Amino acid sequence: PARDHEVAIFAAVAVAADGDRLVAWMRQVEDLKKGAFVRQIGRFSDPPRIEDLASLSLDDEDLTEIRKCRRRDCALKLAAAEMEELRRAADESGSKWKPALQDAFRRLVLRRVGAFLQGGHAALPAYEDNDAPVLLGGRFSLLVRHSGFLTKNHPRFSEYLERYPRAPLPELESFVYWSKEGVGAKAIVSATQVNILRGTDGFVPDALVIGKEIFSTHYVNASLSLTAVVGEPGAHNYLVYFNRTEVDVLGRIFGGLVRVFMERRLRAEASDVLRGLRTRLESGEPKI
């Protein structure tokens, strides 16, 4: 159960694969996430480069909406300064405003990712698309604190997630990817940090992978996902998935009805998504 603006889901299934296989596929996130909903995806270099975003494009609807964006009245989740920057890029490009706006948006994504890697969520500008600014660090911290199993069993990992990059974990592997996914009326462009922790004792799964959303263009204020392989020697391994997300529409009129619809859809689709992930893990090592 989740309250207020949050929606959460937990699912698990037996799997004939171990943590090594999960980690190998996570490192090939472009292949792992291939599916009907993922329209575009790419992994950032270290450090991120503008070339990493060459295949990213906004839909025409979003491009048109950006030209109308103003603080407290924008169809995309942006800061007021970003809205002005994008509008100016379009206005100054005449008939070529669409490709100019695509380029400007890619630079914006790169800048946000770079700011996050330098200073965490606290370094990111607030969303100012509606009346009340949304501070991303505070919204993500709430998701972590509401995930009691994580804060109780993995306090150092939880601290790392909340205080990144000021609470480093030397044993952690991480990278960032971007994606464009069609999960609602509008395609969502987002960037996510993937954090991989391998098991060293009985309190950590064989492989624990946390996805931490950096930003999103629609619907989502903050999102925390967990994928793990757990089990005991000589017993079944289980593939476990958990997601807690703050969704802006749940705080609006008819939010209660929207929650009913969303939770029903999540229940219906969760098993298919998890079985698809299991199929990939059990198919062998990903192609490199």
C-alpha atoms as a PDB file:
ATOM      1  CA  PRO A   1       0.000   0.000   0.000  1.00  0.00           C
ATOM      2  CA  ALA A   2       1.069   3.590  -0.736  1.00  0.00           C
ATOM      3  CA  ARG A   3      -0.480   6.921   0.202  1.00  0.00           C
ATOM      4  CA  ASP A   4      -0.766  10.507  -0.977  1.00  0.00           C
ATOM      5  CA  HIS A   5       1.085  10.959  -4.293  1.00  0.00           C
ATOM      6  CA  GLU A   6       2.876   7.605  -4.155  1.00  0.00           C
ATOM      7  CA  VAL A   7       2.186   4.306  -5.856  1.00  0.00           C
ATOM      8  CA  ALA A   8       4.172   1.148  -5.049  1.00  0.00           C
ATOM      9  CA  ILE A   9       4.482  -2.400  -6.321  1.00  0.00           C
ATOM     10  CA  PHE A  10       6.308  -5.553  -5.222  1.00  0.00           C
ATOM     11  CA  ALA A  11       6.697  -8.756  -7.250  1.00  0.00           C
ATOM     12  CA  ALA A  12       8.861 -11.894  -7.095  1.00  0.00           C
ATOM     13  CA  VAL A  13       9.330 -15.035  -9.176  1.00  0.00           C
ATOM     14  CA  ALA A  14      11.612 -18.096  -9.023  1.00  0.00           C
ATOM     15  CA  VAL A  15      14.535 -17.778 -11.450  1.00  0.00           C
ATOM     16  CA  ALA A  16      17.221 -20.136 -12.759  1.00  0.00           C
ATOM     17  CA  ALA A  17      19.922 -17.452 -12.676  1.00  0.00           C
ATOM     18  CA  ASP A  18      22.231 -15.883 -10.110  1.00  0.00           C
ATOM     19  CA  GLY A  19      23.445 -12.408  -9.244  1.00  0.00           C
ATOM     20  CA  ASP A  20      26.231 -12.551 -11.836  1.00  0.00           C
ATOM     21  CA  ARG A  21      23.649 -12.925 -14.593  1.00  0.00           C
ATOM     22  CA  LEU A  22      21.523 -10.050 -13.296  1.00  0.00           C
ATOM     23  CA  VAL A  23      24.534  -7.740 -13.106  1.00  0.00           C
ATOM     24  CA  ALA A  24      25.693  -8.730 -16.613  1.00  0.00           C
ATOM     25  CA  TRP A  25      22.291  -7.826 -18.057  1.00  0.00           C
ATOM     26  CA  MET A  26      22.046  -4.608 -16.059  1.00  0.00           C
ATOM     27  CA  ARG A  27      25.338  -3.483 -17.576  1.00  0.00           C
ATOM     28  CA  GLN A  28      23.711  -3.961 -20.992  1.00  0.00           C
ATOM     29  CA  VAL A  29      20.668  -1.914 -20.000  1.00  0.00           C
ATOM     30  CA  GLU A  30      19.824  -1.012 -23.614  1.00  0.00           C
ATOM     31  CA  ASP A  31      19.222  -4.706 -24.385  1.00  0.00           C
ATOM     32  CA  LEU A  32      17.645  -5.493 -21.013  1.00  0.00           C
ATOM     33  CA  LYS A  33      14.926  -2.853 -21.322  1.00  0.00           C
ATOM     34  CA  LYS A  34      14.020  -3.517 -24.941  1.00  0.00           C
ATOM     35  CA  GLY A  35      10.279  -3.849 -25.240  1.00  0.00           C
ATOM     36  CA  ALA A  36       7.041  -2.408 -26.535  1.00  0.00           C
ATOM     37  CA  PHE A  37       7.132   0.585 -24.187  1.00  0.00           C
ATOM     38  CA  VAL A  38      10.785   1.640 -24.662  1.00  0.00           C
ATOM     39  CA  ARG A  39      11.073   3.755 -27.790  1.00  0.00           C
ATOM     40  CA  GLN A  40      14.619   5.078 -27.351  1.00  0.00           C
ATOM     41  CA  ILE A  41      17.360   4.348 -24.839  1.00  0.00           C
ATOM     42  CA  GLY A  42      21.070   4.906 -24.344  1.00  0.00           C
ATOM     43  CA  ARG A  43      23.746   4.618 -21.679  1.00  0.00           C
ATOM     44  CA  PHE A  44      25.868   7.629 -20.776  1.00  0.00           C
ATOM     45  CA  SER A  45      29.642   7.570 -21.034  1.00  0.00           C
ATOM     46  CA  ASP A  46      31.805   8.352 -18.023  1.00  0.00           C
ATOM     47  CA  PRO A  47      31.893  11.335 -18.039  1.00  0.00           C
ATOM     48  CA  PRO A  48      28.659  11.954 -19.970  1.00  0.00           C
ATOM     49  CA  ARG A  49      28.975  13.430 -23.481  1.00  0.00           C
ATOM     50  CA  ILE A  50      26.474  15.130 -25.771  1.00  0.00           C
ATOM     51  CA  GLU A  51      27.103  12.348 -28.309  1.00  0.00           C
ATOM     52  CA  ASP A  52      25.456   9.923 -25.866  1.00  0.00           C
ATOM     53  CA  LEU A  53      22.134  11.667 -26.600  1.00  0.00           C
ATOM     54  CA  ALA A  54      22.366  11.655 -30.400  1.00  0.00           C
ATOM     55  CA  SER A  55      19.388   9.315 -30.813  1.00  0.00           C
ATOM     56  CA  LEU A  56      17.133  11.088 -28.283  1.00  0.00           C
ATOM     57  CA  SER A  57      14.227  13.085 -29.702  1.00  0.00           C
ATOM     58  CA  LEU A  58      11.131  14.718 -28.248  1.00  0.00           C
ATOM     59  CA  ASP A  59       7.755  14.110 -29.871  1.00  0.00           C
ATOM     60  CA  ASP A  60       6.309  16.951 -31.949  1.00  0.00           C
ATOM     61  CA  GLU A  61       3.625  17.487 -29.313  1.00  0.00           C
ATOM     62  CA  ASP A  62       6.273  18.205 -26.673  1.00  0.00           C
ATOM     63  CA  LEU A  63       8.171  20.520 -29.018  1.00  0.00           C
ATOM     64  CA  THR A  64       5.009  22.544 -29.612  1.00  0.00           C
ATOM     65  CA  GLU A  65       4.179  22.644 -25.902  1.00  0.00           C
ATOM     66  CA  ILE A  66       7.651  23.925 -25.000  1.00  0.00           C
ATOM     67  CA  ARG A  67       7.109  27.027 -27.113  1.00  0.00           C
ATOM     68  CA  LYS A  68       4.102  27.855 -24.897  1.00  0.00           C
ATOM     69  CA  CYS A  69       5.819  27.042 -21.584  1.00  0.00           C
ATOM     70  CA  ARG A  70       5.806  29.616 -18.821  1.00  0.00           C
ATOM     71  CA  ARG A  71       6.573  29.307 -15.120  1.00  0.00           C
ATOM     72  CA  ARG A  72       3.611  27.603 -13.376  1.00  0.00           C
ATOM     73  CA  ASP A  73       2.090  26.727 -16.759  1.00  0.00           C
ATOM     74  CA  CYS A  74       4.058  24.130 -18.692  1.00  0.00           C
ATOM     75  CA  ALA A  75       3.216  20.678 -20.030  1.00  0.00           C
ATOM     76  CA  LEU A  76       6.759  19.429 -19.305  1.00  0.00           C
ATOM     77  CA  LYS A  77       8.611  19.190 -16.001  1.00  0.00           C
ATOM     78  CA  LEU A  78      11.172  21.964 -16.315  1.00  0.00           C
ATOM     79  CA  ALA A  79      12.618  24.844 -14.320  1.00  0.00           C
ATOM     80  CA  ALA A  80      11.576  28.359 -15.332  1.00  0.00           C
ATOM     81  CA  ALA A  81      15.075  29.178 -16.599  1.00  0.00           C
ATOM     82  CA  GLU A  82      15.046  26.011 -18.722  1.00  0.00           C
ATOM     83  CA  MET A  83      11.691  26.949 -20.230  1.00  0.00           C
ATOM     84  CA  GLU A  84      13.076  30.339 -21.224  1.00  0.00           C
ATOM     85  CA  GLU A  85      16.262  28.788 -22.629  1.00  0.00           C
ATOM     86  CA  LEU A  86      14.332  26.332 -24.800  1.00  0.00           C
ATOM     87  CA  ARG A  87      11.847  28.937 -26.033  1.00  0.00           C
ATOM     88  CA  ARG A  88      14.705  31.235 -26.991  1.00  0.00           C
ATOM     89  CA  ALA A  89      16.458  28.441 -28.909  1.00  0.00           C
ATOM     90  CA  ALA A  90      13.275  27.864 -30.911  1.00  0.00           C
ATOM     91  CA  ASP A  91      12.476  31.549 -31.469  1.00  0.00           C
ATOM     92  CA  GLU A  92      15.975  32.332 -32.757  1.00  0.00           C
ATOM     93  CA  SER A  93      16.001  29.475 -35.298  1.00  0.00           C
ATOM     94  CA  GLY A  94      13.151  30.496 -37.582  1.00  0.00           C
ATOM     95  CA  SER A  95      11.871  27.695 -39.803  1.00  0.00           C
ATOM     96  CA  LYS A  96      14.463  25.307 -38.359  1.00  0.00           C
ATOM     97  CA  TRP A  97      13.116  25.645 -34.836  1.00  0.00           C
ATOM     98  CA  LYS A  98      12.345  21.946 -34.359  1.00  0.00           C
ATOM     99  CA  PRO A  99      15.903  20.591 -34.839  1.00  0.00           C
ATOM    100  CA  ALA A 100      17.259  23.565 -32.873  1.00  0.00           C
ATOM    101  CA  LEU A 101      14.898  22.776 -30.020  1.00  0.00           C
ATOM    102  CA  GLN A 102      15.876  19.091 -30.106  1.00  0.00           C
ATOM    103  CA  ASP A 103      19.547  20.075 -29.793  1.00  0.00           C
ATOM    104  CA  ALA A 104      18.810  22.492 -26.953  1.00  0.00           C
ATOM    105  CA  PHE A 105      16.843  19.841 -25.088  1.00  0.00           C
ATOM    106  CA  ARG A 106      19.698  17.335 -25.420  1.00  0.00           C
ATOM    107  CA  ARG A 107      22.076  19.918 -23.942  1.00  0.00           C
ATOM    108  CA  LEU A 108      19.611  20.464 -21.089  1.00  0.00           C
ATOM    109  CA  VAL A 109      19.501  16.713 -20.357  1.00  0.00           C
ATOM    110  CA  LEU A 110      23.287  16.520 -20.393  1.00  0.00           C
ATOM    111  CA  ARG A 111      23.541  19.488 -18.024  1.00  0.00           C
ATOM    112  CA  ARG A 112      21.051  17.984 -15.570  1.00  0.00           C
ATOM    113  CA  VAL A 113      22.873  14.647 -15.540  1.00  0.00           C
ATOM    114  CA  GLY A 114      26.217  16.384 -15.035  1.00  0.00           C
ATOM    115  CA  ALA A 115      24.812  18.474 -12.172  1.00  0.00           C
ATOM    116  CA  PHE A 116      23.408  15.359 -10.499  1.00  0.00           C
ATOM    117  CA  LEU A 117      26.719  13.508 -10.717  1.00  0.00           C
ATOM    118  CA  GLN A 118      28.482  16.501  -9.156  1.00  0.00           C
ATOM    119  CA  GLY A 119      26.004  17.366  -6.418  1.00  0.00           C
ATOM    120  CA  GLY A 120      23.128  14.854  -6.326  1.00  0.00           C
ATOM    121  CA  HIS A 121      19.464  15.823  -6.367  1.00  0.00           C
ATOM    122  CA  ALA A 122      20.252  18.969  -4.373  1.00  0.00           C
ATOM    123  CA  ALA A 123      22.126  20.343  -7.404  1.00  0.00           C
ATOM    124  CA  LEU A 124      19.126  20.012  -9.722  1.00  0.00           C
ATOM    125  CA  PRO A 125      16.723  22.907 -10.341  1.00  0.00           C
ATOM    126  CA  ALA A 126      13.162  22.447  -9.106  1.00  0.00           C
ATOM    127  CA  TYR A 127      10.302  21.613 -11.444  1.00  0.00           C
ATOM    128  CA  GLU A 128       8.274  24.808 -11.909  1.00  0.00           C
ATOM    129  CA  ASP A 129       5.591  23.582 -14.291  1.00  0.00           C
ATOM    130  CA  ASN A 130       2.773  24.012 -11.728  1.00  0.00           C
ATOM    131  CA  ASP A 131       1.912  26.365  -8.876  1.00  0.00           C
ATOM    132  CA  ALA A 132       4.207  24.841  -6.246  1.00  0.00           C
ATOM    133  CA  PRO A 133       7.879  24.179  -7.159  1.00  0.00           C
ATOM    134  CA  VAL A 134       8.928  20.538  -6.729  1.00  0.00           C
ATOM    135  CA  LEU A 135      12.338  20.056  -5.068  1.00  0.00           C
ATOM    136  CA  LEU A 136      13.625  16.724  -6.340  1.00  0.00           C
ATOM    137  CA  GLY A 137      15.899  15.903  -3.403  1.00  0.00           C
ATOM    138  CA  GLY A 138      13.103  16.103  -0.865  1.00  0.00           C
ATOM    139  CA  ARG A 139      10.711  14.061  -2.988  1.00  0.00           C
ATOM    140  CA  PHE A 140      13.258  11.263  -3.495  1.00  0.00           C
ATOM    141  CA  SER A 141      14.225  11.208   0.200  1.00  0.00           C
ATOM    142  CA  LEU A 142      10.579  10.577   1.084  1.00  0.00           C
ATOM    143  CA  LEU A 143      10.516   7.511  -1.178  1.00  0.00           C
ATOM    144  CA  VAL A 144      13.605   6.102   0.555  1.00  0.00           C
ATOM    145  CA  ARG A 145      12.204   6.761   4.029  1.00  0.00           C
ATOM    146  CA  HIS A 146       8.874   5.181   3.123  1.00  0.00           C
ATOM    147  CA  SER A 147      10.708   2.011   2.017  1.00  0.00           C
ATOM    148  CA  GLY A 148      11.328   0.687   5.524  1.00  0.00           C
ATOM    149  CA  PHE A 149      12.791  -2.667   4.474  1.00  0.00           C
ATOM    150  CA  LEU A 150      15.584  -0.763   2.716  1.00  0.00           C
ATOM    151  CA  THR A 151      16.409   1.685   5.515  1.00  0.00           C
ATOM    152  CA  LYS A 152      16.268  -1.098   8.133  1.00  0.00           C
ATOM    153  CA  ASN A 153      18.271  -3.804   6.338  1.00  0.00           C
ATOM    154  CA  HIS A 154      20.634  -1.658   4.259  1.00  0.00           C
ATOM    155  CA  PRO A 155      21.181   1.598   6.191  1.00  0.00           C
ATOM    156  CA  ARG A 156      24.501   2.435   4.456  1.00  0.00           C
ATOM    157  CA  PHE A 157      22.951   1.946   1.042  1.00  0.00           C
ATOM    158  CA  SER A 158      19.969   4.093   2.072  1.00  0.00           C
ATOM    159  CA  GLU A 159      22.292   6.831   3.288  1.00  0.00           C
ATOM    160  CA  TYR A 160      24.208   6.670   0.007  1.00  0.00           C
ATOM    161  CA  LEU A 161      20.970   7.062  -1.967  1.00  0.00           C
ATOM    162  CA  GLU A 162      19.754  10.041   0.056  1.00  0.00           C
ATOM    163  CA  ARG A 163      23.061  11.880   0.431  1.00  0.00           C
ATOM    164  CA  TYR A 164      24.702  11.103  -2.919  1.00  0.00           C
ATOM    165  CA  PRO A 165      27.487  11.942  -3.658  1.00  0.00           C
ATOM    166  CA  ARG A 166      28.412  12.880  -0.066  1.00  0.00           C
ATOM    167  CA  ALA A 167      28.165   9.344   1.378  1.00  0.00           C
ATOM    168  CA  PRO A 168      30.210   7.176  -1.039  1.00  0.00           C
ATOM    169  CA  LEU A 169      30.187   3.378  -1.068  1.00  0.00           C
ATOM    170  CA  PRO A 170      33.519   2.167  -2.523  1.00  0.00           C
ATOM    171  CA  GLU A 171      32.123  -1.294  -3.301  1.00  0.00           C
ATOM    172  CA  LEU A 172      29.287   0.135  -5.394  1.00  0.00           C
ATOM    173  CA  GLU A 173      29.145   0.154  -9.205  1.00  0.00           C
ATOM    174  CA  SER A 174      26.994   2.801 -10.865  1.00  0.00           C
ATOM    175  CA  PHE A 175      26.157   4.328 -14.236  1.00  0.00           C
ATOM    176  CA  VAL A 176      23.449   6.537 -15.793  1.00  0.00           C
ATOM    177  CA  TYR A 177      21.179   5.863 -18.752  1.00  0.00           C
ATOM    178  CA  TRP A 178      18.408   7.819 -20.491  1.00  0.00           C
ATOM    179  CA  SER A 179      15.227   6.486 -22.041  1.00  0.00           C
ATOM    180  CA  LYS A 180      12.068   7.525 -23.825  1.00  0.00           C
ATOM    181  CA  GLU A 181       9.151   5.335 -22.819  1.00  0.00           C
ATOM    182  CA  GLY A 182       5.524   5.318 -23.898  1.00  0.00           C
ATOM    183  CA  VAL A 183       3.682   4.387 -20.708  1.00  0.00           C
ATOM    184  CA  GLY A 184       0.875   6.950 -20.813  1.00  0.00           C
ATOM    185  CA  ALA A 185      -0.755   9.516 -23.077  1.00  0.00           C
ATOM    186  CA  LYS A 186       2.646  11.222 -23.429  1.00  0.00           C
ATOM    187  CA  ALA A 187       6.049   9.621 -23.894  1.00  0.00           C
ATOM    188  CA  ILE A 188       8.318  10.131 -20.874  1.00  0.00           C
ATOM    189  CA  VAL A 189      11.941  11.128 -21.380  1.00  0.00           C
ATOM    190  CA  SER A 190      13.913  10.377 -18.221  1.00  0.00           C
ATOM    191  CA  ALA A 191      17.397   9.782 -16.880  1.00  0.00           C
ATOM    192  CA  THR A 192      18.153   7.138 -14.246  1.00  0.00           C
ATOM    193  CA  GLN A 193      21.174   6.295 -12.139  1.00  0.00           C
ATOM    194  CA  VAL A 194      21.725   2.534 -11.730  1.00  0.00           C
ATOM    195  CA  ASN A 195      23.516   1.420  -8.541  1.00  0.00           C
ATOM    196  CA  ILE A 196      24.752  -2.189  -8.209  1.00  0.00           C
ATOM    197  CA  LEU A 197      25.740  -3.793  -4.914  1.00  0.00           C
ATOM    198  CA  ARG A 198      26.964  -7.389  -4.673  1.00  0.00           C
ATOM    199  CA  GLY A 199      26.237  -9.597  -1.658  1.00  0.00           C
ATOM    200  CA  THR A 200      29.003 -10.116   0.892  1.00  0.00           C
ATOM    201  CA  ASP A 201      27.041 -11.515   3.825  1.00  0.00           C
ATOM    202  CA  GLY A 202      23.619 -12.795   4.810  1.00  0.00           C
ATOM    203  CA  PHE A 203      22.113  -9.324   4.982  1.00  0.00           C
ATOM    204  CA  VAL A 204      22.627  -8.417   1.326  1.00  0.00           C
ATOM    205  CA  PRO A 205      21.076 -10.266  -1.657  1.00  0.00           C
ATOM    206  CA  ASP A 206      23.410 -11.934  -4.162  1.00  0.00           C
ATOM    207  CA  ALA A 207      22.871  -8.847  -6.353  1.00  0.00           C
ATOM    208  CA  LEU A 208      20.965  -5.706  -5.428  1.00  0.00           C
ATOM    209  CA  VAL A 209      20.287  -3.067  -8.082  1.00  0.00           C
ATOM    210  CA  ILE A 210      18.720   0.286  -7.239  1.00  0.00           C
ATOM    211  CA  GLY A 211      17.397   2.614  -9.922  1.00  0.00           C
ATOM    212  CA  LYS A 212      17.266   6.268  -8.899  1.00  0.00           C
ATOM    213  CA  GLU A 213      15.452   8.633 -11.229  1.00  0.00           C
ATOM    214  CA  ILE A 214      17.298  11.879 -11.936  1.00  0.00           C
ATOM    215  CA  PHE A 215      14.496  13.638 -13.810  1.00  0.00           C
ATOM    216  CA  SER A 216      11.428  13.014 -15.955  1.00  0.00           C
ATOM    217  CA  THR A 217       9.544  15.131 -18.489  1.00  0.00           C
ATOM    218  CA  HIS A 218       6.048  13.949 -17.512  1.00  0.00           C
ATOM    219  CA  TYR A 219       3.998  12.492 -14.644  1.00  0.00           C
ATOM    220  CA  VAL A 220       6.794  11.435 -12.260  1.00  0.00           C
ATOM    221  CA  ASN A 221       8.310  13.630  -9.524  1.00  0.00           C
ATOM    222  CA  ALA A 222      10.590  10.926  -8.105  1.00  0.00           C
ATOM    223  CA  SER A 223      11.063   7.187  -8.489  1.00  0.00           C
ATOM    224  CA  LEU A 224      12.969   4.439  -6.669  1.00  0.00           C
ATOM    225  CA  SER A 225      13.236   0.904  -8.078  1.00  0.00           C
ATOM    226  CA  LEU A 226      14.895  -2.207  -6.699  1.00  0.00           C
ATOM    227  CA  THR A 227      15.769  -5.395  -8.581  1.00  0.00           C
ATOM    228  CA  ALA A 228      17.486  -8.251  -6.768  1.00  0.00           C
ATOM    229  CA  VAL A 229      18.376 -11.921  -6.932  1.00  0.00           C
ATOM    230  CA  VAL A 230      17.956 -13.541  -3.521  1.00  0.00           C
ATOM    231  CA  GLY A 231      18.225 -17.120  -2.306  1.00  0.00           C
ATOM    232  CA  GLU A 232      20.134 -19.616  -0.202  1.00  0.00           C
ATOM    233  CA  PRO A 233      22.680 -22.283  -1.230  1.00  0.00           C
ATOM    234  CA  GLY A 234      20.881 -25.366  -2.489  1.00  0.00           C
ATOM    235  CA  ALA A 235      17.540 -23.580  -2.738  1.00  0.00           C
ATOM    236  CA  HIS A 236      15.661 -21.644  -5.402  1.00  0.00           C
ATOM    237  CA  ASN A 237      16.814 -18.180  -6.354  1.00  0.00           C
ATOM    238  CA  TYR A 238      14.149 -15.528  -6.648  1.00  0.00           C
ATOM    239  CA  LEU A 239      14.040 -12.489  -8.874  1.00  0.00           C
ATOM    240  CA  VAL A 240      12.555  -9.651  -6.833  1.00  0.00           C
ATOM    241  CA  TYR A 241      11.280  -6.302  -8.092  1.00  0.00           C
ATOM    242  CA  PHE A 242      10.061  -3.299  -6.099  1.00  0.00           C
ATOM    243  CA  ASN A 243       9.136   0.189  -7.249  1.00  0.00           C
ATOM    244  CA  ARG A 244       7.901   3.247  -5.354  1.00  0.00           C
ATOM    245  CA  THR A 245       7.047   6.320  -7.413  1.00  0.00           C
ATOM    246  CA  GLU A 246       5.578   9.742  -6.708  1.00  0.00           C
ATOM    247  CA  VAL A 247       3.091  10.581  -9.455  1.00  0.00           C
ATOM    248  CA  ASP A 248       1.900  14.170  -9.862  1.00  0.00           C
ATOM    249  CA  VAL A 249      -1.630  13.361 -11.054  1.00  0.00           C
ATOM    250  CA  LEU A 250      -2.425  11.557  -7.784  1.00  0.00           C
ATOM    251  CA  GLY A 251      -2.445  14.944  -6.067  1.00  0.00           C
ATOM    252  CA  ARG A 252      -4.968  16.485  -8.457  1.00  0.00           C
ATOM    253  CA  ILE A 253      -8.722  16.343  -8.828  1.00  0.00           C
ATOM    254  CA  PHE A 254      -9.965  12.775  -9.344  1.00  0.00           C
ATOM    255  CA  GLY A 255      -6.636  11.529  -7.935  1.00  0.00           C
ATOM    256  CA  GLY A 256      -8.450   8.739  -6.113  1.00  0.00           C
ATOM    257  CA  LEU A 257      -9.932   7.387  -9.322  1.00  0.00           C
ATOM    258  CA  VAL A 258      -6.566   7.658 -11.050  1.00  0.00           C
ATOM    259  CA  ARG A 259      -4.983   5.611  -8.240  1.00  0.00           C
ATOM    260  CA  VAL A 260      -7.531   2.823  -8.656  1.00  0.00           C
ATOM    261  CA  PHE A 261      -6.833   2.691 -12.391  1.00  0.00           C
ATOM    262  CA  MET A 262      -3.050   2.808 -11.961  1.00  0.00           C
ATOM    263  CA  GLU A 263      -2.920   0.107  -9.290  1.00  0.00           C
ATOM    264  CA  ARG A 264      -5.193  -2.178 -11.302  1.00  0.00           C
ATOM    265  CA  ARG A 265      -2.976  -1.743 -14.357  1.00  0.00           C
ATOM    266  CA  LEU A 266       0.204  -2.341 -12.346  1.00  0.00           C
ATOM    267  CA  ARG A 267      -1.181  -5.577 -10.910  1.00  0.00           C
ATOM    268  CA  ALA A 268      -2.165  -6.764 -14.373  1.00  0.00           C
ATOM    269  CA  GLU A 269       1.158  -5.947 -16.000  1.00  0.00           C
ATOM    270  CA  ALA A 270       3.644  -6.731 -13.210  1.00  0.00           C
ATOM    271  CA  SER A 271       3.669 -10.487 -13.779  1.00  0.00           C
ATOM    272  CA  ASP A 272       4.276 -10.115 -17.528  1.00  0.00           C
ATOM    273  CA  VAL A 273       7.094  -7.624 -16.975  1.00  0.00           C
ATOM    274  CA  LEU A 274       8.778  -9.822 -14.370  1.00  0.00           C
ATOM    275  CA  ARG A 275       8.443 -12.956 -16.503  1.00  0.00           C
ATOM    276  CA  GLY A 276       9.985 -11.078 -19.420  1.00  0.00           C
ATOM    277  CA  LEU A 277      12.940 -10.094 -17.242  1.00  0.00           C
ATOM    278  CA  ARG A 278      13.285 -13.668 -16.019  1.00  0.00           C
ATOM    279  CA  THR A 279      13.280 -14.942 -19.624  1.00  0.00           C
ATOM    280  CA  ARG A 280      16.159 -12.627 -20.498  1.00  0.00           C
ATOM    281  CA  LEU A 281      18.182 -13.693 -17.452  1.00  0.00           C
ATOM    282  CA  GLU A 282      17.611 -17.376 -18.119  1.00  0.00           C
ATOM    283  CA  SER A 283      18.462 -17.031 -21.834  1.00  0.00           C
ATOM    284  CA  GLY A 284      22.178 -16.757 -21.032  1.00  0.00           C
ATOM    285  CA  GLU A 285      24.757 -13.998 -21.032  1.00  0.00           C
ATOM    286  CA  PRO A 286      23.858 -10.813 -22.941  1.00  0.00           C
ATOM    287  CA  LYS A 287      25.667 -10.107 -26.191  1.00  0.00           C
ATOM    288  CA  ILE A 288      28.484  -7.597 -25.823  1.00  0.00           C
END
